[in-house]
Amino acid sequence: EPLAERLRDGLPAFATCAGLIVCAREVVDGRPDQRPLGVLDLTARRNGYGRQRESFEVALAVDGLAGGPFPGVFIRAPKVEHVGPAVDVLAAHEDVPVLGRQGSIWFSAFHPELSGDLRLHQRFLSEVN
């Protein structure tokens, strides 16, 4: 609860993959004892893109990101099933949100840190500082 309070009060965070699940308002197919923090107004399905063998990479068009598509690395990724009005979707794959923000919390269903491309992290840092 202290972490959820800090996040609600504006603590910046970049919730990647499992972090998206932890920060979601609702989780589908989660563990029975799982209690999400509820700081992102979205519903996430755990392993929504499949298991390890269904992992994939795809070029993503990110709103406002210069330099061309961003390489999305999806590994047992959650699938966002619903976003509320407070969520700003920055990128989608096959019409499903995969990158977005709500206040100072960013989320991605993929692993930007595995792409070798620093643009998303740089943009996150520039926007939350």
Protein backbone atom coordinates (compact mmCIF):
# COMPACT_ATOMS: atom_id res chain seq x y z
CA GLU A 1 0.00 0.00 0.00
CA PRO A 2 2.80 2.54 0.65
CA LEU A 3 4.07 2.05 -2.91
CA ALA A 4 0.57 2.45 -4.37
CA GLU A 5 0.15 5.66 -2.36
CA ARG A 6 3.45 7.06 -3.64
CA LEU A 7 2.52 6.19 -7.23
CA ARG A 8 -0.91 7.83 -6.82
CA ASP A 9 0.90 10.91 -5.44
CA GLY A 10 3.00 11.22 -8.59
CA LEU A 11 6.06 9.00 -8.12
CA PRO A 12 7.28 8.35 -11.69
CA ALA A 13 7.47 4.72 -12.80
CA PHE A 14 7.93 2.82 -16.05
CA ALA A 15 5.89 -0.36 -15.61
CA THR A 16 7.26 -2.88 -18.10
CA CYS A 17 5.63 -6.25 -18.82
CA ALA A 18 5.03 -7.74 -15.35
CA GLY A 19 5.15 -4.18 -13.96
CA LEU A 20 2.11 -3.38 -16.11
CA ILE A 21 0.30 -6.32 -14.50
CA VAL A 22 1.30 -5.21 -10.99
CA CYS A 23 0.11 -1.63 -11.61
CA ALA A 24 -3.18 -2.52 -13.35
CA ARG A 25 -6.61 -1.89 -11.87
CA GLU A 26 -7.69 -5.40 -12.87
CA VAL A 27 -5.80 -8.56 -13.89
CA VAL A 28 -7.34 -11.42 -15.88
CA ASP A 29 -5.76 -14.88 -15.51
CA GLY A 30 -3.60 -13.72 -12.61
CA ARG A 31 -2.63 -15.76 -9.60
CA PRO A 32 -5.42 -16.26 -7.04
CA ASP A 33 -3.40 -14.42 -4.36
CA GLN A 34 -2.43 -11.58 -6.71
CA ARG A 35 -3.52 -8.08 -5.66
CA PRO A 36 -2.68 -5.44 -8.28
CA LEU A 37 -1.81 -1.94 -7.08
CA GLY A 38 -4.65 -0.41 -9.11
CA VAL A 39 -2.70 2.72 -10.12
CA LEU A 40 -3.30 2.33 -13.88
CA ASP A 41 -6.87 2.49 -15.15
CA LEU A 42 -6.57 -0.61 -17.31
CA THR A 43 -7.31 -4.30 -17.42
CA ALA A 44 -4.42 -6.61 -18.29
CA ARG A 45 -4.47 -10.28 -19.22
CA ARG A 46 -1.42 -12.13 -17.91
CA ASN A 47 0.48 -13.87 -20.75
CA GLY A 48 -2.14 -12.49 -23.15
CA TYR A 49 0.15 -12.92 -26.15
CA GLY A 50 0.96 -16.50 -25.23
CA ARG A 51 3.71 -18.42 -23.54
CA GLN A 52 7.48 -18.21 -24.10
CA ARG A 53 7.38 -19.90 -27.52
CA GLU A 54 4.98 -17.19 -28.82
CA SER A 55 7.44 -14.38 -28.02
CA PHE A 56 8.03 -11.99 -30.92
CA GLU A 57 9.47 -8.67 -32.05
CA VAL A 58 7.58 -6.03 -34.02
CA ALA A 59 8.21 -2.47 -35.20
CA LEU A 60 5.90 -0.09 -33.33
CA ALA A 61 4.78 3.38 -34.36
CA VAL A 62 4.97 5.45 -31.16
CA ASP A 63 3.07 8.75 -31.03
CA GLY A 64 5.50 11.66 -30.86
CA LEU A 65 8.66 9.55 -31.04
CA ALA A 66 11.15 10.78 -33.63
CA GLY A 67 13.50 8.48 -35.50
CA GLY A 68 11.12 5.90 -36.92
CA PRO A 69 9.48 2.78 -35.46
CA PHE A 70 10.48 1.43 -32.07
CA PRO A 71 11.47 -2.27 -31.79
CA GLY A 72 8.94 -3.94 -29.49
CA VAL A 73 10.28 -7.11 -27.83
CA PHE A 74 7.33 -9.15 -26.51
CA ILE A 75 8.18 -12.01 -24.14
CA ARG A 76 5.22 -13.75 -22.49
CA ALA A 77 3.67 -10.32 -22.67
CA PRO A 78 0.47 -9.18 -21.00
CA LYS A 79 -2.34 -7.99 -23.25
CA VAL A 80 -4.22 -4.81 -22.35
CA GLU A 81 -7.92 -5.59 -22.67
CA HIS A 82 -9.37 -2.25 -21.59
CA VAL A 83 -8.08 1.25 -20.88
CA GLY A 84 -9.96 3.95 -19.02
CA PRO A 85 -10.24 7.60 -20.03
CA ALA A 86 -7.23 8.67 -17.94
CA VAL A 87 -4.88 6.49 -20.00
CA ASP A 88 -3.03 8.04 -22.94
CA VAL A 89 -2.20 5.26 -25.43
CA LEU A 90 1.12 5.93 -27.22
CA ALA A 91 1.40 2.76 -29.32
CA ALA A 92 -0.72 -0.21 -30.29
CA HIS A 93 -0.11 -3.56 -31.95
CA GLU A 94 -3.04 -4.92 -33.96
CA ASP A 95 -5.32 -2.30 -32.32
CA VAL A 96 -4.34 -3.38 -28.79
CA PRO A 97 -2.60 -0.79 -26.56
CA VAL A 98 1.00 -1.82 -25.83
CA LEU A 99 2.51 1.47 -24.63
CA GLY A 100 0.94 4.33 -22.74
CA ARG A 101 0.91 6.55 -19.71
CA GLN A 102 -1.34 7.76 -16.96
CA GLY A 103 0.11 10.78 -15.24
CA SER A 104 3.71 10.04 -14.33
CA ILE A 105 3.32 6.27 -14.75
CA TRP A 106 4.25 4.81 -18.13
CA PHE A 107 3.51 1.21 -19.09
CA SER A 108 4.59 -1.15 -21.83
CA ALA A 109 3.51 -4.70 -22.59
CA PHE A 110 6.91 -5.26 -24.20
CA HIS A 111 10.53 -4.92 -23.03
CA PRO A 112 12.04 -1.65 -24.33
CA GLU A 113 15.21 -2.31 -22.33
CA LEU A 114 15.96 -5.36 -24.53
CA SER A 115 15.76 -3.45 -27.80
CA GLY A 116 19.07 -1.58 -27.52
CA ASP A 117 17.09 1.59 -28.36
CA LEU A 118 17.10 4.22 -25.59
CA ARG A 119 14.50 6.58 -27.07
CA LEU A 120 11.56 5.51 -24.88
CA HIS A 121 13.55 5.67 -21.67
CA GLN A 122 14.97 9.06 -22.66
CA ARG A 123 11.50 10.38 -23.42
CA PHE A 124 10.12 9.01 -20.14
CA LEU A 125 12.92 10.69 -18.20
CA SER A 126 12.48 14.00 -20.02
CA GLU A 127 8.73 14.02 -19.33
CA VAL A 128 8.85 13.10 -15.63
CA ASN A 129 11.72 15.44 -14.65
